[in-house]
Amino acid sequence: MTKEACIYGFVSGFGIEAFEASAVPTGSDAPAFPYTTYSLPIGSFGDELSMTLSLWYRSYSWAEALAKADEISRRIGRSGVILPCDGGGIWIRRGVPFAQTMGDPADDMIKRVYINLTVEYITND
């Protein structure tokens, strides 16, 4: 599995649709809430890069969005998670701060949880 497919598999593995942040459909193809957007840092052996996820919910309450952030945090764990990919693996760890809540000035029902991760490539290239 390529590095890109590995990261997509991780991000999309939480039960909501996931899109690379620069490729979110718009207009009539825009995703329904909830969904996830993510940055896609690509590197080589030993590179330690920042990666972000945004959880997008539309609700009066933060409960679902924060519960999903907690699910992601538990999946990563205190020491991170290593995902196998072509040529080795990708070590994903919680960043600092792990998560922050954000709203949307255009719609007060949009709840966004911005998640910081650290991605280290343990690959042969």
C-alpha atoms as a PDB file:
ATOM      1  CA  MET A   1       0.000   0.000   0.000  1.00  0.00           C
ATOM      2  CA  THR A   2       1.383   3.435  -0.890  1.00  0.00           C
ATOM      3  CA  LYS A   3       2.045   6.041   1.801  1.00  0.00           C
ATOM      4  CA  GLU A   4      -0.887   8.097   0.538  1.00  0.00           C
ATOM      5  CA  ALA A   5      -3.255   5.120   0.604  1.00  0.00           C
ATOM      6  CA  CYS A   6      -2.032   4.197   4.083  1.00  0.00           C
ATOM      7  CA  ILE A   7      -2.815   7.653   5.458  1.00  0.00           C
ATOM      8  CA  TYR A   8      -6.201   7.706   3.709  1.00  0.00           C
ATOM      9  CA  GLY A   9      -6.995   4.285   5.167  1.00  0.00           C
ATOM     10  CA  PHE A  10      -6.221   5.526   8.665  1.00  0.00           C
ATOM     11  CA  VAL A  11      -8.186   8.773   8.334  1.00  0.00           C
ATOM     12  CA  SER A  12     -11.197   7.115   6.706  1.00  0.00           C
ATOM     13  CA  GLY A  13     -11.265   4.311   9.265  1.00  0.00           C
ATOM     14  CA  PHE A  14     -13.413   6.161  11.793  1.00  0.00           C
ATOM     15  CA  GLY A  15     -16.803   5.752  10.157  1.00  0.00           C
ATOM     16  CA  ILE A  16     -17.108   9.117   8.424  1.00  0.00           C
ATOM     17  CA  GLU A  17     -16.176  10.146   4.902  1.00  0.00           C
ATOM     18  CA  ALA A  18     -12.666  11.601   4.511  1.00  0.00           C
ATOM     19  CA  PHE A  19     -11.237  14.034   1.959  1.00  0.00           C
ATOM     20  CA  GLU A  20      -7.760  15.409   1.407  1.00  0.00           C
ATOM     21  CA  ALA A  21      -8.107  19.084   2.356  1.00  0.00           C
ATOM     22  CA  SER A  22      -7.380  20.411  -1.131  1.00  0.00           C
ATOM     23  CA  ALA A  23      -9.805  17.992  -2.796  1.00  0.00           C
ATOM     24  CA  VAL A  24     -13.114  18.470  -0.971  1.00  0.00           C
ATOM     25  CA  PRO A  25     -16.017  18.457  -3.437  1.00  0.00           C
ATOM     26  CA  THR A  26     -18.027  21.656  -3.629  1.00  0.00           C
ATOM     27  CA  GLY A  27     -21.434  22.778  -4.873  1.00  0.00           C
ATOM     28  CA  SER A  28     -23.951  19.999  -5.414  1.00  0.00           C
ATOM     29  CA  ASP A  29     -21.185  17.420  -4.794  1.00  0.00           C
ATOM     30  CA  ALA A  30     -20.256  18.839  -1.376  1.00  0.00           C
ATOM     31  CA  PRO A  31     -20.158  16.173   1.334  1.00  0.00           C
ATOM     32  CA  ALA A  32     -22.898  15.825   3.894  1.00  0.00           C
ATOM     33  CA  PHE A  33     -21.997  16.327   7.554  1.00  0.00           C
ATOM     34  CA  PRO A  34     -20.185  14.769   9.294  1.00  0.00           C
ATOM     35  CA  TYR A  35     -16.971  14.413   7.312  1.00  0.00           C
ATOM     36  CA  THR A  36     -13.213  14.668   7.812  1.00  0.00           C
ATOM     37  CA  THR A  37     -10.597  16.678   5.957  1.00  0.00           C
ATOM     38  CA  TYR A  38      -6.880  16.014   6.324  1.00  0.00           C
ATOM     39  CA  SER A  39      -3.511  17.305   5.197  1.00  0.00           C
ATOM     40  CA  LEU A  40      -1.253  14.845   3.383  1.00  0.00           C
ATOM     41  CA  PRO A  41       2.387  15.223   4.426  1.00  0.00           C
ATOM     42  CA  ILE A  42       4.660  13.082   2.275  1.00  0.00           C
ATOM     43  CA  GLY A  43       8.191  12.292   3.360  1.00  0.00           C
ATOM     44  CA  SER A  44      10.955   9.741   3.460  1.00  0.00           C
ATOM     45  CA  PHE A  45      12.819   7.737   6.080  1.00  0.00           C
ATOM     46  CA  GLY A  46      13.217   9.625   9.337  1.00  0.00           C
ATOM     47  CA  ASP A  47      11.092  12.602   8.314  1.00  0.00           C
ATOM     48  CA  GLU A  48       8.911  13.780  11.187  1.00  0.00           C
ATOM     49  CA  LEU A  49       6.104  15.897   9.768  1.00  0.00           C
ATOM     50  CA  SER A  50       2.994  17.668  10.994  1.00  0.00           C
ATOM     51  CA  MET A  51      -0.392  16.456   9.841  1.00  0.00           C
ATOM     52  CA  THR A  52      -3.818  17.865  10.604  1.00  0.00           C
ATOM     53  CA  LEU A  53      -7.324  16.473  10.585  1.00  0.00           C
ATOM     54  CA  SER A  54     -10.515  18.476  10.807  1.00  0.00           C
ATOM     55  CA  LEU A  55     -13.727  16.846  11.937  1.00  0.00           C
ATOM     56  CA  TRP A  56     -16.738  18.697  10.513  1.00  0.00           C
ATOM     57  CA  TYR A  57     -20.135  18.300  12.171  1.00  0.00           C
ATOM     58  CA  ARG A  58     -23.320  20.322  11.949  1.00  0.00           C
ATOM     59  CA  SER A  59     -25.131  20.283  15.271  1.00  0.00           C
ATOM     60  CA  TYR A  60     -26.216  22.383  18.230  1.00  0.00           C
ATOM     61  CA  SER A  61     -23.910  20.305  20.422  1.00  0.00           C
ATOM     62  CA  TRP A  62     -20.182  19.526  20.461  1.00  0.00           C
ATOM     63  CA  ALA A  63     -20.847  16.033  21.867  1.00  0.00           C
ATOM     64  CA  GLU A  64     -20.529  13.979  18.653  1.00  0.00           C
ATOM     65  CA  ALA A  65     -17.529  15.869  17.304  1.00  0.00           C
ATOM     66  CA  LEU A  66     -15.635  15.632  20.588  1.00  0.00           C
ATOM     67  CA  ALA A  67     -16.540  11.939  20.964  1.00  0.00           C
ATOM     68  CA  LYS A  68     -15.051  11.279  17.502  1.00  0.00           C
ATOM     69  CA  ALA A  69     -11.877  13.194  18.448  1.00  0.00           C
ATOM     70  CA  ASP A  70     -11.647  11.045  21.585  1.00  0.00           C
ATOM     71  CA  GLU A  71     -12.069   7.883  19.486  1.00  0.00           C
ATOM     72  CA  ILE A  72      -9.164   8.978  17.271  1.00  0.00           C
ATOM     73  CA  SER A  73      -7.038   9.789  20.320  1.00  0.00           C
ATOM     74  CA  ARG A  74      -7.707   6.344  21.826  1.00  0.00           C
ATOM     75  CA  ARG A  75      -6.867   4.622  18.519  1.00  0.00           C
ATOM     76  CA  ILE A  76      -3.503   6.408  18.369  1.00  0.00           C
ATOM     77  CA  GLY A  77      -2.774   5.804  22.044  1.00  0.00           C
ATOM     78  CA  ARG A  78      -0.052   7.342  24.191  1.00  0.00           C
ATOM     79  CA  SER A  79       2.829   5.922  22.157  1.00  0.00           C
ATOM     80  CA  GLY A  80       1.256   6.232  18.718  1.00  0.00           C
ATOM     81  CA  VAL A  81       0.314   3.699  16.101  1.00  0.00           C
ATOM     82  CA  ILE A  82       2.493   2.275  13.312  1.00  0.00           C
ATOM     83  CA  LEU A  83       0.725   1.608  10.036  1.00  0.00           C
ATOM     84  CA  PRO A  84       2.330  -0.725   7.488  1.00  0.00           C
ATOM     85  CA  CYS A  85       2.928   0.646   4.001  1.00  0.00           C
ATOM     86  CA  ASP A  86       5.128  -0.078   0.990  1.00  0.00           C
ATOM     87  CA  GLY A  87       8.742  -0.108   2.107  1.00  0.00           C
ATOM     88  CA  GLY A  88       8.082   0.042   5.862  1.00  0.00           C
ATOM     89  CA  GLY A  89       5.616   1.950   7.977  1.00  0.00           C
ATOM     90  CA  ILE A  90       4.212   5.265   9.108  1.00  0.00           C
ATOM     91  CA  TRP A  91       4.261   6.136  12.803  1.00  0.00           C
ATOM     92  CA  ILE A  92       1.366   8.417  13.750  1.00  0.00           C
ATOM     93  CA  ARG A  93       1.413  10.156  17.130  1.00  0.00           C
ATOM     94  CA  ARG A  94      -0.750  12.742  18.845  1.00  0.00           C
ATOM     95  CA  GLY A  95       0.474  16.306  18.380  1.00  0.00           C
ATOM     96  CA  VAL A  96       0.380  19.104  20.932  1.00  0.00           C
ATOM     97  CA  PRO A  97      -2.211  20.289  21.453  1.00  0.00           C
ATOM     98  CA  PHE A  98      -4.008  17.210  20.221  1.00  0.00           C
ATOM     99  CA  ALA A  99      -7.338  18.884  19.476  1.00  0.00           C
ATOM    100  CA  GLN A 100      -8.919  22.333  19.404  1.00  0.00           C
ATOM    101  CA  THR A 101     -12.533  23.315  18.878  1.00  0.00           C
ATOM    102  CA  MET A 102     -13.361  25.818  16.169  1.00  0.00           C
ATOM    103  CA  GLY A 103     -16.591  27.264  14.893  1.00  0.00           C
ATOM    104  CA  ASP A 104     -17.598  28.791  11.591  1.00  0.00           C
ATOM    105  CA  PRO A 105     -18.567  32.481  11.516  1.00  0.00           C
ATOM    106  CA  ALA A 106     -20.949  31.801   8.617  1.00  0.00           C
ATOM    107  CA  ASP A 107     -22.915  29.079  10.443  1.00  0.00           C
ATOM    108  CA  ASP A 108     -22.973  28.736  14.225  1.00  0.00           C
ATOM    109  CA  MET A 109     -24.161  25.120  13.947  1.00  0.00           C
ATOM    110  CA  ILE A 110     -20.926  23.993  12.286  1.00  0.00           C
ATOM    111  CA  LYS A 111     -18.651  22.350  14.829  1.00  0.00           C
ATOM    112  CA  ARG A 112     -15.066  21.758  13.743  1.00  0.00           C
ATOM    113  CA  VAL A 113     -12.477  19.878  15.767  1.00  0.00           C
ATOM    114  CA  TYR A 114      -8.953  20.577  14.525  1.00  0.00           C
ATOM    115  CA  ILE A 115      -6.565  17.726  15.338  1.00  0.00           C
ATOM    116  CA  ASN A 116      -2.754  17.889  15.314  1.00  0.00           C
ATOM    117  CA  LEU A 117      -0.733  14.770  14.557  1.00  0.00           C
ATOM    118  CA  THR A 118       2.935  13.952  14.061  1.00  0.00           C
ATOM    119  CA  VAL A 119       3.744  11.562  11.232  1.00  0.00           C
ATOM    120  CA  GLU A 120       7.133   9.844  10.998  1.00  0.00           C
ATOM    121  CA  TYR A 121       8.103   7.806   7.966  1.00  0.00           C
ATOM    122  CA  ILE A 122       9.885   4.565   8.757  1.00  0.00           C
ATOM    123  CA  THR A 123      10.361   3.592   5.133  1.00  0.00           C
ATOM    124  CA  ASN A 124      13.215   2.559   2.879  1.00  0.00           C
ATOM    125  CA  ASP A 125      12.929   5.656   0.682  1.00  0.00           C
END
